[in-house]
C-alpha atoms as a PDB file:
ATOM      1  CA  UNK A   1      18.322 -12.825   7.651  1.00  0.00           C
ATOM      2  CA  UNK A   2      14.741 -13.727   8.524  1.00  0.00           C
ATOM      3  CA  UNK A   3      12.185 -11.036   9.261  1.00  0.00           C
ATOM      4  CA  UNK A   4      11.734 -12.217  12.849  1.00  0.00           C
ATOM      5  CA  UNK A   5      15.460 -11.700  13.446  1.00  0.00           C
ATOM      6  CA  UNK A   6      15.395  -8.263  11.829  1.00  0.00           C
ATOM      7  CA  UNK A   7      12.440  -7.214  13.989  1.00  0.00           C
ATOM      8  CA  UNK A   8      14.303  -8.451  17.046  1.00  0.00           C
ATOM      9  CA  UNK A   9      17.268  -6.237  16.064  1.00  0.00           C
ATOM     10  CA  UNK A  10      14.893  -3.261  15.946  1.00  0.00           C
ATOM     11  CA  UNK A  11      13.613  -4.162  19.405  1.00  0.00           C
ATOM     12  CA  UNK A  12      17.193  -4.352  20.687  1.00  0.00           C
ATOM     13  CA  UNK A  13      17.799  -0.909  19.086  1.00  0.00           C
ATOM     14  CA  UNK A  14      20.636  -2.473  17.055  1.00  0.00           C
ATOM     15  CA  UNK A  15      21.370  -0.329  13.990  1.00  0.00           C
ATOM     16  CA  UNK A  16      22.205  -3.502  12.069  1.00  0.00           C
ATOM     17  CA  UNK A  17      18.432  -3.751  11.613  1.00  0.00           C
ATOM     18  CA  UNK A  18      18.580  -0.790   9.236  1.00  0.00           C
ATOM     19  CA  UNK A  19      21.293  -2.438   7.138  1.00  0.00           C
ATOM     20  CA  UNK A  20      19.321  -5.673   7.020  1.00  0.00           C
ATOM     21  CA  UNK A  21      16.053  -4.063   5.884  1.00  0.00           C
ATOM     22  CA  UNK A  22      17.959  -2.064   3.299  1.00  0.00           C
ATOM     23  CA  UNK A  23      19.648  -5.208   1.957  1.00  0.00           C
ATOM     24  CA  UNK A  24      16.433  -7.200   1.927  1.00  0.00           C
ATOM     25  CA  UNK A  25      13.731  -4.642   1.071  1.00  0.00           C
ATOM     26  CA  UNK A  26      15.360  -1.658  -0.676  1.00  0.00           C
ATOM     27  CA  UNK A  27      14.363  -2.812  -4.178  1.00  0.00           C
ATOM     28  CA  UNK A  28      10.838  -3.681  -3.052  1.00  0.00           C
ATOM     29  CA  UNK A  29      10.265  -0.326  -1.338  1.00  0.00           C
ATOM     30  CA  UNK A  30      11.935   1.584  -4.173  1.00  0.00           C
ATOM     31  CA  UNK A  31       9.586  -0.077  -6.682  1.00  0.00           C
ATOM     32  CA  UNK A  32       6.552   1.011  -4.647  1.00  0.00           C
ATOM     33  CA  UNK A  33       7.811   4.592  -4.388  1.00  0.00           C
ATOM     34  CA  UNK A  34       8.805   4.668  -8.069  1.00  0.00           C
ATOM     35  CA  UNK A  35       5.323   3.600  -9.211  1.00  0.00           C
ATOM     36  CA  UNK A  36       3.893   6.603  -7.415  1.00  0.00           C
ATOM     37  CA  UNK A  37       6.586   9.255  -7.823  1.00  0.00           C
ATOM     38  CA  UNK A  38       8.364   8.321 -11.078  1.00  0.00           C
ATOM     39  CA  UNK A  39      11.489  10.059  -9.769  1.00  0.00           C
ATOM     40  CA  UNK A  40      14.695   8.295  -8.752  1.00  0.00           C
ATOM     41  CA  UNK A  41      15.717  10.934  -6.221  1.00  0.00           C
ATOM     42  CA  UNK A  42      12.270  11.234  -4.647  1.00  0.00           C
ATOM     43  CA  UNK A  43      11.911   7.452  -4.508  1.00  0.00           C
ATOM     44  CA  UNK A  44      15.305   7.055  -2.825  1.00  0.00           C
ATOM     45  CA  UNK A  45      14.397   9.748  -0.300  1.00  0.00           C
ATOM     46  CA  UNK A  46      11.104   7.992   0.339  1.00  0.00           C
ATOM     47  CA  UNK A  47      12.881   4.678   0.983  1.00  0.00           C
ATOM     48  CA  UNK A  48      15.311   6.353   3.400  1.00  0.00           C
ATOM     49  CA  UNK A  49      12.362   7.947   5.201  1.00  0.00           C
ATOM     50  CA  UNK A  50      10.848   4.461   5.435  1.00  0.00           C
ATOM     51  CA  UNK A  51      13.896   3.122   7.282  1.00  0.00           C
ATOM     52  CA  UNK A  52      13.769   6.030   9.744  1.00  0.00           C
ATOM     53  CA  UNK A  53      10.030   5.566  10.285  1.00  0.00           C
ATOM     54  CA  UNK A  54      10.542   1.843  10.872  1.00  0.00           C
ATOM     55  CA  UNK A  55      13.281   2.638  13.398  1.00  0.00           C
ATOM     56  CA  UNK A  56      10.963   5.051  15.210  1.00  0.00           C
ATOM     57  CA  UNK A  57       7.965   2.700  15.084  1.00  0.00           C
ATOM     58  CA  UNK A  58       9.549  -0.643  16.028  1.00  0.00           C
ATOM     59  CA  UNK A  59       9.220  -0.805  19.026  1.00  0.00           C
ATOM     60  CA  UNK A  60       6.449  -0.411  20.157  1.00  0.00           C
ATOM     61  CA  UNK A  61       4.999  -2.068  17.066  1.00  0.00           C
ATOM     62  CA  UNK A  62       5.943  -5.617  16.178  1.00  0.00           C
ATOM     63  CA  UNK A  63       4.759  -6.107  12.586  1.00  0.00           C
ATOM     64  CA  UNK A  64       3.622  -9.605  11.695  1.00  0.00           C
ATOM     65  CA  UNK A  65       4.636  -9.174   8.039  1.00  0.00           C
ATOM     66  CA  UNK A  66       7.663  -6.911   7.736  1.00  0.00           C
ATOM     67  CA  UNK A  67       7.450  -6.497   3.958  1.00  0.00           C
ATOM     68  CA  UNK A  68       3.838  -5.285   4.158  1.00  0.00           C
ATOM     69  CA  UNK A  69       4.679  -3.003   7.065  1.00  0.00           C
ATOM     70  CA  UNK A  70       7.582  -1.390   5.189  1.00  0.00           C
ATOM     71  CA  UNK A  71       5.610  -1.276   1.942  1.00  0.00           C
ATOM     72  CA  UNK A  72       2.762   0.565   3.623  1.00  0.00           C
ATOM     73  CA  UNK A  73       5.124   3.119   5.148  1.00  0.00           C
ATOM     74  CA  UNK A  74       6.810   3.646   1.775  1.00  0.00           C
ATOM     75  CA  UNK A  75       3.499   4.024  -0.023  1.00  0.00           C
ATOM     76  CA  UNK A  76       2.247   6.552   2.535  1.00  0.00           C
ATOM     77  CA  UNK A  77       5.438   8.629   2.224  1.00  0.00           C
ATOM     78  CA  UNK A  78       5.269   8.478  -1.570  1.00  0.00           C
ATOM     79  CA  UNK A  79       1.625   9.552  -1.644  1.00  0.00           C
ATOM     80  CA  UNK A  80       2.382  12.386   0.777  1.00  0.00           C
ATOM     81  CA  UNK A  81       5.312  13.446  -1.409  1.00  0.00           C
ATOM     82  CA  UNK A  82       3.094  13.301  -4.496  1.00  0.00           C
ATOM     83  CA  UNK A  83       0.458  15.466  -2.831  1.00  0.00           C
ATOM     84  CA  UNK A  84       3.110  18.066  -1.985  1.00  0.00           C
ATOM     85  CA  UNK A  85       4.297  18.068  -5.582  1.00  0.00           C
ATOM     86  CA  UNK A  86       0.721  18.268  -6.802  1.00  0.00           C
ATOM     87  CA  UNK A  87       0.081  21.309  -4.651  1.00  0.00           C
ATOM     88  CA  UNK A  88       3.173  22.960  -6.115  1.00  0.00           C
ATOM     89  CA  UNK A  89       2.824  21.989  -9.776  1.00  0.00           C
ATOM     90  CA  UNK A  90      -0.928  21.406 -10.111  1.00  0.00           C
ATOM     91  CA  UNK A  91      -1.584  19.393 -13.266  1.00  0.00           C
ATOM     92  CA  UNK A  92       0.083  16.397 -14.727  1.00  0.00           C
ATOM     93  CA  UNK A  93      -1.492  13.345 -16.332  1.00  0.00           C
ATOM     94  CA  UNK A  94       0.293  10.962 -13.995  1.00  0.00           C
ATOM     95  CA  UNK A  95      -0.865  12.836 -10.908  1.00  0.00           C
ATOM     96  CA  UNK A  96      -4.423  12.734 -12.216  1.00  0.00           C
ATOM     97  CA  UNK A  97      -4.062   8.944 -12.437  1.00  0.00           C
ATOM     98  CA  UNK A  98      -2.808   8.811  -8.839  1.00  0.00           C
ATOM     99  CA  UNK A  99      -5.666  11.041  -7.735  1.00  0.00           C
ATOM    100  CA  UNK A 100      -8.102   8.624  -9.387  1.00  0.00           C
ATOM    101  CA  UNK A 101      -6.571   5.781  -7.378  1.00  0.00           C
ATOM    102  CA  UNK A 102      -6.619   7.818  -4.182  1.00  0.00           C
ATOM    103  CA  UNK A 103     -10.269   8.774  -4.764  1.00  0.00           C
ATOM    104  CA  UNK A 104     -11.222   5.132  -5.269  1.00  0.00           C
ATOM    105  CA  UNK A 105      -9.499   4.121  -2.037  1.00  0.00           C
ATOM    106  CA  UNK A 106     -10.761   7.188  -0.167  1.00  0.00           C
ATOM    107  CA  UNK A 107     -14.381   6.210  -0.846  1.00  0.00           C
ATOM    108  CA  UNK A 108     -13.885   3.171   1.376  1.00  0.00           C
ATOM    109  CA  UNK A 109     -11.738   5.057   3.900  1.00  0.00           C
ATOM    110  CA  UNK A 110     -14.397   7.746   4.433  1.00  0.00           C
ATOM    111  CA  UNK A 111     -16.986   5.131   5.280  1.00  0.00           C
ATOM    112  CA  UNK A 112     -14.875   3.295   7.854  1.00  0.00           C
ATOM    113  CA  UNK A 113     -16.486   3.215  11.282  1.00  0.00           C
ATOM    114  CA  UNK A 114     -13.813   1.501  13.343  1.00  0.00           C
ATOM    115  CA  UNK A 115     -10.906   3.499  14.638  1.00  0.00           C
ATOM    116  CA  UNK A 116      -7.790   1.831  13.316  1.00  0.00           C
ATOM    117  CA  UNK A 117      -5.643   3.495  15.940  1.00  0.00           C
ATOM    118  CA  UNK A 118      -5.846   0.307  17.935  1.00  0.00           C
ATOM    119  CA  UNK A 119      -3.540  -2.388  16.658  1.00  0.00           C
ATOM    120  CA  UNK A 120      -6.134  -5.100  17.307  1.00  0.00           C
ATOM    121  CA  UNK A 121      -8.694  -3.398  15.084  1.00  0.00           C
ATOM    122  CA  UNK A 122      -6.070  -2.943  12.396  1.00  0.00           C
ATOM    123  CA  UNK A 123      -5.071  -6.606  12.584  1.00  0.00           C
ATOM    124  CA  UNK A 124      -8.731  -7.622  12.341  1.00  0.00           C
ATOM    125  CA  UNK A 125      -9.176  -5.475   9.240  1.00  0.00           C
ATOM    126  CA  UNK A 126      -6.015  -6.965   7.697  1.00  0.00           C
ATOM    127  CA  UNK A 127      -7.392 -10.444   8.396  1.00  0.00           C
ATOM    128  CA  UNK A 128     -10.705  -9.492   6.785  1.00  0.00           C
ATOM    129  CA  UNK A 129      -8.952  -8.081   3.702  1.00  0.00           C
ATOM    130  CA  UNK A 130      -6.732 -11.150   3.363  1.00  0.00           C
ATOM    131  CA  UNK A 131      -9.742 -13.451   3.603  1.00  0.00           C
ATOM    132  CA  UNK A 132     -11.519 -11.352   0.988  1.00  0.00           C
ATOM    133  CA  UNK A 133      -8.524 -11.510  -1.354  1.00  0.00           C
ATOM    134  CA  UNK A 134      -8.401 -15.300  -0.987  1.00  0.00           C
ATOM    135  CA  UNK A 135     -11.988 -15.538  -2.255  1.00  0.00           C
ATOM    136  CA  UNK A 136     -11.157 -13.741  -5.495  1.00  0.00           C
ATOM    137  CA  UNK A 137     -10.179 -15.441  -8.713  1.00  0.00           C
ATOM    138  CA  UNK A 138      -6.461 -15.151  -9.382  1.00  0.00           C
ATOM    139  CA  UNK A 139      -6.886 -12.559 -12.164  1.00  0.00           C
ATOM    140  CA  UNK A 140      -9.301 -10.421 -10.114  1.00  0.00           C
ATOM    141  CA  UNK A 141      -6.963 -10.536  -7.110  1.00  0.00           C
ATOM    142  CA  UNK A 142      -3.972  -9.580  -9.262  1.00  0.00           C
ATOM    143  CA  UNK A 143      -5.827  -6.654 -10.848  1.00  0.00           C
ATOM    144  CA  UNK A 144      -7.020  -5.415  -7.438  1.00  0.00           C
ATOM    145  CA  UNK A 145      -3.608  -5.684  -5.769  1.00  0.00           C
ATOM    146  CA  UNK A 146      -1.691  -4.302  -8.751  1.00  0.00           C
ATOM    147  CA  UNK A 147      -4.001  -1.267  -8.806  1.00  0.00           C
ATOM    148  CA  UNK A 148      -4.277  -0.460  -5.108  1.00  0.00           C
ATOM    149  CA  UNK A 149      -0.987  -1.781  -3.712  1.00  0.00           C
ATOM    150  CA  UNK A 150       1.443  -1.438  -6.619  1.00  0.00           C
ATOM    151  CA  UNK A 151      -0.381   1.584  -8.110  1.00  0.00           C
ATOM    152  CA  UNK A 152      -0.413   0.216 -11.674  1.00  0.00           C
ATOM    153  CA  UNK A 153      -2.261   2.341 -14.210  1.00  0.00           C
ATOM    154  CA  UNK A 154      -5.387   1.112 -16.018  1.00  0.00           C
ATOM    155  CA  UNK A 155      -3.310   0.881 -19.188  1.00  0.00           C
ATOM    156  CA  UNK A 156      -0.679  -1.306 -17.494  1.00  0.00           C
ATOM    157  CA  UNK A 157      -3.355  -3.584 -16.051  1.00  0.00           C
ATOM    158  CA  UNK A 158      -5.112  -3.884 -19.406  1.00  0.00           C
ATOM    159  CA  UNK A 159      -1.863  -4.910 -21.115  1.00  0.00           C
ATOM    160  CA  UNK A 160      -0.899  -7.290 -18.313  1.00  0.00           C
ATOM    161  CA  UNK A 161      -4.230  -9.145 -18.529  1.00  0.00           C
ATOM    162  CA  UNK A 162      -4.958  -8.659 -22.230  1.00  0.00           C
ATOM    163  CA  UNK A 163      -8.134  -6.698 -21.466  1.00  0.00           C
ATOM    164  CA  UNK A 164      -9.529  -3.343 -22.495  1.00  0.00           C
ATOM    165  CA  UNK A 165      -9.184  -0.498 -20.017  1.00  0.00           C
ATOM    166  CA  UNK A 166     -12.964  -0.401 -19.622  1.00  0.00           C
ATOM    167  CA  UNK A 167     -12.945  -4.119 -18.745  1.00  0.00           C
ATOM    168  CA  UNK A 168     -10.302  -3.432 -16.082  1.00  0.00           C
ATOM    169  CA  UNK A 169     -12.380  -0.551 -14.681  1.00  0.00           C
ATOM    170  CA  UNK A 170     -15.468  -2.768 -14.583  1.00  0.00           C
ATOM    171  CA  UNK A 171     -13.492  -5.533 -12.872  1.00  0.00           C
ATOM    172  CA  UNK A 172     -12.214  -3.125 -10.217  1.00  0.00           C
ATOM    173  CA  UNK A 173     -15.698  -1.697  -9.704  1.00  0.00           C
ATOM    174  CA  UNK A 174     -17.182  -5.176  -9.137  1.00  0.00           C
ATOM    175  CA  UNK A 175     -14.348  -6.135  -6.795  1.00  0.00           C
ATOM    176  CA  UNK A 176     -14.747  -2.942  -4.765  1.00  0.00           C
ATOM    177  CA  UNK A 177     -18.494  -3.603  -4.502  1.00  0.00           C
ATOM    178  CA  UNK A 178     -17.809  -7.129  -3.200  1.00  0.00           C
ATOM    179  CA  UNK A 179     -15.368  -5.729  -0.639  1.00  0.00           C
ATOM    180  CA  UNK A 180     -17.828  -3.008   0.339  1.00  0.00           C
ATOM    181  CA  UNK A 181     -20.546  -5.618   0.938  1.00  0.00           C
ATOM    182  CA  UNK A 182     -18.248  -7.650   3.201  1.00  0.00           C
ATOM    183  CA  UNK A 183     -17.084  -4.558   5.079  1.00  0.00           C
ATOM    184  CA  UNK A 184     -20.694  -3.482   5.660  1.00  0.00           C
ATOM    185  CA  UNK A 185     -21.563  -6.956   6.927  1.00  0.00           C
ATOM    186  CA  UNK A 186     -18.613  -6.835   9.351  1.00  0.00           C
ATOM    187  CA  UNK A 187     -19.620  -3.295  10.436  1.00  0.00           C
ATOM    188  CA  UNK A 188     -16.496  -1.611   9.058  1.00  0.00           C
ATOM    189  CA  UNK A 189     -18.633   0.579   6.812  1.00  0.00           C
ATOM    190  CA  UNK A 190     -21.703   2.654   7.561  1.00  0.00           C
END
């Protein structure tokens, strides 16, 4: 079933929508949660929470890209779950890696001027990010997305692109600086 049809089922409050997103996006959302949580049970719970959140959010929202919408919800639940675990357990090498990623992303989030509560502002930012990603070389784009969307570790990225970890870190630093420059120009950053 096409995403437009699935979204329409949500709008009609037809529970078939939940079965359709599970059939189409369960593996995708599970992979996102797994990269963050590294726990089958927690990842499955996160995916189930995603379906409930989608049900409660559509309507009023009408996502333009359902996979991205569901992926973002899953990632947010997984990060929240990880933070709860971190508060309970405190130290683990994997959590430190996730905290590094979160810190890198948080640097940009803290500087954001626009309120993204309004869907129009959010859509404009998504457009800006997509345009930025299109300007990147394929390898740079893959490294950036694999790090900040798929939550790949530096080690995984280095192996994937046959680079040293320091080269991956430098690549991400340069890419973030390019994005920061564009976001400042468009008044998204102070």
